Amino acid sequence: MEITKVVQVKLSDIQLDGANVRSDLDSQFSKENLQELADNIRINGLLQPIVLRGISGHPPYDVIVGKRRFLAHQLLNEDSINATFSGEVNDMKALLLSLSENMCRQEMNFEDTSKAITTLYKNFENDERQVQAHTGFSIRMIRSYVGIEEQASDKIKGLLKEYKISMADAKRAIEASQGDKLKSDILIDELVKLTTYEKKRLVETGVKNPDAKADELLQEARKPKYEETLILNLPLKVHTALKEAASKLSMEMEEVTMNALVNWLKTNEFLVEA
């Protein structure tokens, strides 16, 4: 696909026909963010053109990349917008382009991301490495989104969409419940109150005892265990690396740090498990 030169396109010639992956623009947060973008464009101008599907001179066109920039121009009552054209690309190519661009900008909500990645996963005949090759996302990230999209209850998906729970906790509830969605719905309400250790123990107990009730799993997870808190003064680049790893792996920073420390101790034979 070759992107064309930048041209001015009338807003009236542009439609939102589904090629863009974003659907999370109705929340109060998104509306405020969109107004901020519009204000920025009004002051500084459009710094990057949008990408349209179609051929220049043959409207209507579909927004592949830049839905928020297009909507911001509507807020500003602009007549036209700078755009480039992708040509008549197919739906899957448009989806890939939109997903890749949006993941690098304002964080997409869970629903949009998981649906896009799962659609690609199914299109590539459940080959996660094909999805990785086309998007650059880690295998673990792809598995997380596909797994949650296919196994999570409507309640858990809703909480993810509203940013009320993390992907890590959603995965824990699913794994601990072993396919029982009613159980996972009970667990997710209490999971957010548990410590990292308690969450880990909840999952381990749920996997070992798939027939256990939710309250039994929570009771076992909350059993006291001796823990010692260690405060580390990390260099900024290490902290940044841990934060990036946690985000890409859908884990908490404490969990990533613990895994890294344990693996180092094992590799250097300071920690030997029985």
Protein backbone atom coordinates (compact mmCIF):
# COMPACT_ATOMS: atom_id res chain seq x y z
CA MET A 1 0.00 0.00 0.00
CA GLU A 2 1.34 3.44 -0.94
CA ILE A 3 0.06 6.49 0.89
CA THR A 4 -0.54 9.44 -1.46
CA LYS A 5 0.53 13.04 -1.03
CA VAL A 6 -1.36 15.31 1.36
CA VAL A 7 -4.46 17.02 -0.07
CA GLN A 8 -7.34 19.09 1.28
CA VAL A 9 -10.56 17.08 1.52
CA LYS A 10 -14.05 18.39 2.31
CA LEU A 11 -15.46 17.02 5.56
CA SER A 12 -18.75 16.42 3.77
CA ASP A 13 -16.99 13.91 1.50
CA ILE A 14 -15.83 11.83 4.49
CA GLN A 15 -17.80 9.18 6.35
CA LEU A 16 -17.15 6.88 9.30
CA ASP A 17 -17.92 3.49 7.82
CA GLY A 18 -16.25 1.14 10.29
CA ALA A 19 -12.66 0.82 9.06
CA ASN A 20 -11.42 2.77 12.10
CA VAL A 21 -11.19 0.60 15.22
CA ARG A 22 -12.25 3.29 17.68
CA SER A 23 -15.72 3.24 19.21
CA ASP A 24 -14.83 4.64 22.65
CA LEU A 25 -15.57 8.29 21.96
CA ASP A 26 -18.84 8.74 23.87
CA SER A 27 -17.47 8.70 27.42
CA GLN A 28 -17.01 11.96 29.31
CA PHE A 29 -13.25 11.39 29.36
CA SER A 30 -13.14 10.94 25.57
CA LYS A 31 -15.29 14.02 24.98
CA GLU A 32 -13.02 16.14 27.13
CA ASN A 33 -9.97 14.69 25.40
CA LEU A 34 -11.53 15.41 22.01
CA GLN A 35 -12.22 19.03 22.99
CA GLU A 36 -8.58 19.37 24.07
CA LEU A 37 -7.50 18.03 20.69
CA ALA A 38 -9.81 20.48 18.90
CA ASP A 39 -8.39 23.38 20.94
CA ASN A 40 -4.86 22.27 20.10
CA ILE A 41 -5.66 22.06 16.38
CA ARG A 42 -7.28 25.50 16.50
CA ILE A 43 -4.11 26.97 18.03
CA ASN A 44 -1.37 24.96 16.32
CA GLY A 45 -3.06 23.57 13.25
CA LEU A 46 -3.26 19.91 12.20
CA LEU A 47 0.20 18.44 12.66
CA GLN A 48 -0.49 15.10 10.96
CA PRO A 49 -3.00 14.40 8.17
CA ILE A 50 -5.63 11.72 8.49
CA VAL A 51 -5.61 8.63 6.26
CA LEU A 52 -8.65 7.91 4.11
CA ARG A 53 -9.67 4.74 2.31
CA GLY A 54 -10.55 5.39 -1.29
CA ILE A 55 -9.17 7.22 -4.29
CA SER A 56 -8.78 10.99 -4.34
CA GLY A 57 -11.49 12.63 -6.38
CA HIS A 58 -13.96 9.77 -5.90
CA PRO A 59 -15.90 10.36 -2.65
CA PRO A 60 -17.23 9.29 -0.27
CA TYR A 61 -14.11 8.32 1.67
CA ASP A 62 -13.76 6.30 4.87
CA VAL A 63 -11.51 7.30 7.79
CA ILE A 64 -8.91 4.62 8.49
CA VAL A 65 -6.54 6.67 10.65
CA GLY A 66 -7.47 9.91 12.39
CA LYS A 67 -11.09 9.55 13.51
CA ARG A 68 -10.50 11.86 16.49
CA ARG A 69 -8.79 14.46 14.30
CA PHE A 70 -11.74 14.31 11.89
CA LEU A 71 -14.25 14.75 14.75
CA ALA A 72 -12.17 17.59 16.18
CA HIS A 73 -12.43 19.40 12.83
CA GLN A 74 -16.20 18.96 12.99
CA LEU A 75 -16.19 20.53 16.46
CA LEU A 76 -14.29 23.47 15.01
CA ASN A 77 -16.82 23.76 12.15
CA GLU A 78 -14.04 23.39 9.60
CA ASP A 79 -14.95 22.76 5.97
CA SER A 80 -11.95 20.61 5.07
CA ILE A 81 -9.04 18.64 6.50
CA ASN A 82 -5.58 17.57 5.35
CA ALA A 83 -5.61 13.92 4.31
CA THR A 84 -3.75 11.22 2.43
CA PHE A 85 -5.27 8.23 0.65
CA SER A 86 -4.55 4.54 1.07
CA GLY A 87 -6.38 3.51 -2.09
CA GLU A 88 -8.98 0.75 -2.14
CA VAL A 89 -7.46 -1.46 0.55
CA ASN A 90 -9.45 -4.41 1.88
CA ASP A 91 -11.10 -4.47 5.31
CA MET A 92 -8.30 -6.46 6.96
CA LYS A 93 -5.57 -4.11 5.73
CA ALA A 94 -7.62 -1.12 6.89
CA LEU A 95 -8.11 -2.76 10.30
CA LEU A 96 -4.37 -3.41 10.66
CA LEU A 97 -3.47 0.16 9.77
CA SER A 98 -6.06 1.64 12.12
CA LEU A 99 -5.12 -0.67 15.01
CA SER A 100 -1.39 0.00 14.70
CA GLU A 101 -1.85 3.77 14.61
CA ASN A 102 -4.34 3.99 17.44
CA MET A 103 -2.33 1.82 19.82
CA CYS A 104 0.43 4.43 19.63
CA ARG A 105 -1.91 7.31 20.51
CA GLN A 106 -4.66 7.81 23.10
CA GLU A 107 -5.06 4.48 24.86
CA MET A 108 -7.86 2.47 23.30
CA ASN A 109 -10.40 0.83 25.54
CA PHE A 110 -10.37 -2.91 26.05
CA GLU A 111 -13.38 -3.64 23.86
CA ASP A 112 -12.01 -1.98 20.72
CA THR A 113 -8.54 -3.48 21.13
CA SER A 114 -9.68 -7.01 21.95
CA LYS A 115 -12.18 -7.14 19.11
CA ALA A 116 -9.61 -5.89 16.61
CA ILE A 117 -6.90 -8.32 17.76
CA THR A 118 -9.35 -11.25 17.93
CA THR A 119 -10.62 -10.44 14.43
CA LEU A 120 -7.05 -10.51 13.13
CA TYR A 121 -6.35 -13.72 15.06
CA LYS A 122 -9.32 -15.47 13.45
CA ASN A 123 -8.50 -14.05 10.04
CA PHE A 124 -5.02 -15.57 10.29
CA GLU A 125 -6.56 -18.96 11.21
CA ASN A 126 -5.71 -18.67 14.93
CA ASP A 127 -2.03 -18.09 14.17
CA GLU A 128 -0.84 -15.70 16.86
CA ARG A 129 2.57 -15.33 15.21
CA GLN A 130 0.91 -13.97 12.07
CA VAL A 131 -0.84 -11.37 14.22
CA GLN A 132 2.49 -10.55 15.84
CA ALA A 133 4.19 -10.21 12.45
CA HIS A 134 1.53 -7.78 11.23
CA THR A 135 1.15 -5.70 14.40
CA GLY A 136 4.38 -6.01 16.38
CA PHE A 137 2.43 -6.92 19.53
CA SER A 138 3.92 -9.53 21.86
CA ILE A 139 2.57 -13.08 21.82
CA ARG A 140 1.62 -12.71 25.48
CA MET A 141 -0.37 -9.56 24.74
CA ILE A 142 -2.18 -11.22 21.83
CA ARG A 143 -3.04 -14.24 23.97
CA SER A 144 -4.30 -11.98 26.75
CA TYR A 145 -6.70 -10.06 24.53
CA VAL A 146 -7.93 -13.10 22.62
CA GLY A 147 -8.34 -15.11 25.82
CA ILE A 148 -10.33 -12.40 27.57
CA GLU A 149 -12.47 -11.70 24.50
CA GLU A 150 -13.38 -15.39 24.22
CA GLN A 151 -13.66 -16.33 27.90
CA ALA A 152 -14.60 -13.25 29.94
CA SER A 153 -18.15 -12.64 31.12
CA ASP A 154 -20.09 -9.59 29.97
CA LYS A 155 -19.60 -8.10 33.44
CA ILE A 156 -15.81 -8.36 33.27
CA LYS A 157 -15.73 -6.94 29.74
CA GLY A 158 -17.87 -4.05 30.89
CA LEU A 159 -15.58 -3.30 33.84
CA LEU A 160 -12.58 -3.37 31.51
CA LYS A 161 -14.26 -1.01 29.06
CA GLU A 162 -14.97 1.43 31.90
CA TYR A 163 -11.37 1.17 33.20
CA LYS A 164 -12.61 -0.13 36.57
CA ILE A 165 -10.37 -3.22 36.57
CA SER A 166 -7.04 -4.12 35.01
CA MET A 167 -6.46 -6.76 32.36
CA ALA A 168 -4.26 -8.57 34.84
CA ASP A 169 -7.13 -8.90 37.33
CA ALA A 170 -9.54 -9.94 34.58
CA LYS A 171 -7.15 -12.74 33.58
CA ARG A 172 -6.80 -13.81 37.21
CA ALA A 173 -10.57 -14.02 37.71
CA ILE A 174 -10.97 -16.08 34.53
CA GLU A 175 -8.15 -18.46 35.41
CA ALA A 176 -9.19 -18.86 39.05
CA SER A 177 -12.80 -19.60 38.05
CA GLN A 178 -11.73 -22.22 35.48
CA GLY A 179 -14.44 -21.35 32.95
CA ASP A 180 -17.23 -20.68 35.43
CA LYS A 181 -18.42 -17.17 34.49
CA LEU A 182 -20.71 -16.83 37.50
CA LYS A 183 -17.77 -17.62 39.76
CA SER A 184 -15.52 -15.18 37.90
CA ASP A 185 -18.10 -12.40 38.38
CA ILE A 186 -18.02 -12.97 42.15
CA LEU A 187 -14.23 -13.15 42.25
CA ILE A 188 -13.64 -9.98 40.24
CA ASP A 189 -15.51 -7.88 42.81
CA GLU A 190 -13.13 -9.03 45.56
CA LEU A 191 -9.94 -9.38 43.50
CA VAL A 192 -9.30 -5.65 43.44
CA LYS A 193 -9.14 -5.65 47.25
CA LEU A 194 -6.47 -8.37 47.47
CA THR A 195 -2.71 -7.95 47.68
CA THR A 196 -0.52 -9.21 44.84
CA TYR A 197 0.36 -12.31 46.87
CA GLU A 198 -3.31 -12.99 47.66
CA LYS A 199 -4.22 -12.67 43.99
CA LYS A 200 -1.52 -15.16 43.06
CA ARG A 201 -2.71 -17.59 45.72
CA LEU A 202 -6.31 -17.20 44.53
CA VAL A 203 -5.34 -18.30 41.02
CA GLU A 204 -3.21 -21.19 42.25
CA THR A 205 -6.02 -22.43 44.49
CA GLY A 206 -8.62 -22.06 41.76
CA VAL A 207 -6.55 -24.07 39.29
CA LYS A 208 -5.92 -26.85 41.84
CA ASN A 209 -9.55 -26.92 43.03
CA PRO A 210 -11.83 -26.15 40.07
CA ASP A 211 -14.93 -27.28 41.99
CA ALA A 212 -14.32 -24.92 44.92
CA LYS A 213 -16.84 -22.15 45.47
CA ALA A 214 -15.86 -18.50 45.07
CA ASP A 215 -16.01 -17.76 48.81
CA GLU A 216 -13.82 -20.81 49.52
CA LEU A 217 -11.20 -19.58 47.06
CA LEU A 218 -11.24 -16.10 48.57
CA GLN A 219 -10.96 -17.48 52.10
CA GLU A 220 -7.93 -19.53 51.10
CA ALA A 221 -6.34 -16.58 49.29
CA ARG A 222 -6.67 -14.37 52.36
CA LYS A 223 -4.93 -16.75 54.74
CA PRO A 224 -2.02 -14.91 56.38
CA LYS A 225 1.50 -15.43 55.13
CA TYR A 226 4.71 -13.83 56.34
CA GLU A 227 5.93 -11.19 53.92
CA GLU A 228 8.71 -8.65 54.19
CA THR A 229 8.53 -5.34 52.39
CA LEU A 230 11.69 -4.24 50.58
CA ILE A 231 11.92 -0.67 49.30
CA LEU A 232 14.20 -0.25 46.28
CA ASN A 233 15.54 3.00 44.85
CA LEU A 234 15.56 2.20 41.15
CA PRO A 235 17.28 4.22 38.43
CA LEU A 236 14.78 6.03 36.21
CA LYS A 237 15.57 3.89 33.17
CA VAL A 238 14.97 0.69 35.18
CA HIS A 239 11.65 2.02 36.50
CA THR A 240 10.65 3.02 32.96
CA ALA A 241 11.57 -0.41 31.63
CA LEU A 242 9.55 -2.16 34.36
CA LYS A 243 6.55 0.09 33.66
CA GLU A 244 6.74 -0.64 29.93
CA ALA A 245 7.07 -4.39 30.56
CA ALA A 246 4.08 -4.37 32.90
CA SER A 247 1.98 -2.54 30.32
CA LYS A 248 2.92 -4.81 27.42
CA LEU A 249 2.56 -8.00 29.47
CA SER A 250 -0.72 -6.94 31.14
CA MET A 251 0.86 -7.42 34.56
CA GLU A 252 1.42 -5.24 37.61
CA MET A 253 4.83 -3.65 38.15
CA GLU A 254 5.23 -5.44 41.49
CA GLU A 255 4.66 -8.78 39.78
CA VAL A 256 7.11 -8.02 36.95
CA THR A 257 9.73 -6.88 39.46
CA MET A 258 9.26 -10.00 41.59
CA ASN A 259 9.54 -12.31 38.56
CA ALA A 260 12.70 -10.55 37.38
CA LEU A 261 14.28 -10.77 40.84
CA VAL A 262 13.37 -14.44 41.33
CA ASN A 263 14.61 -15.40 37.86
CA TRP A 264 17.94 -13.61 38.47
CA LEU A 265 18.41 -15.35 41.82
CA LYS A 266 17.63 -18.73 40.25
CA THR A 267 19.94 -18.14 37.28
CA ASN A 268 22.80 -17.26 39.60
CA GLU A 269 21.97 -20.18 41.91
CA PHE A 270 21.20 -18.03 44.95
CA LEU A 271 17.67 -19.38 45.09
CA VAL A 272 17.05 -23.10 44.89
CA GLU A 273 13.47 -24.29 45.15
CA ALA A 274 12.74 -27.62 46.74
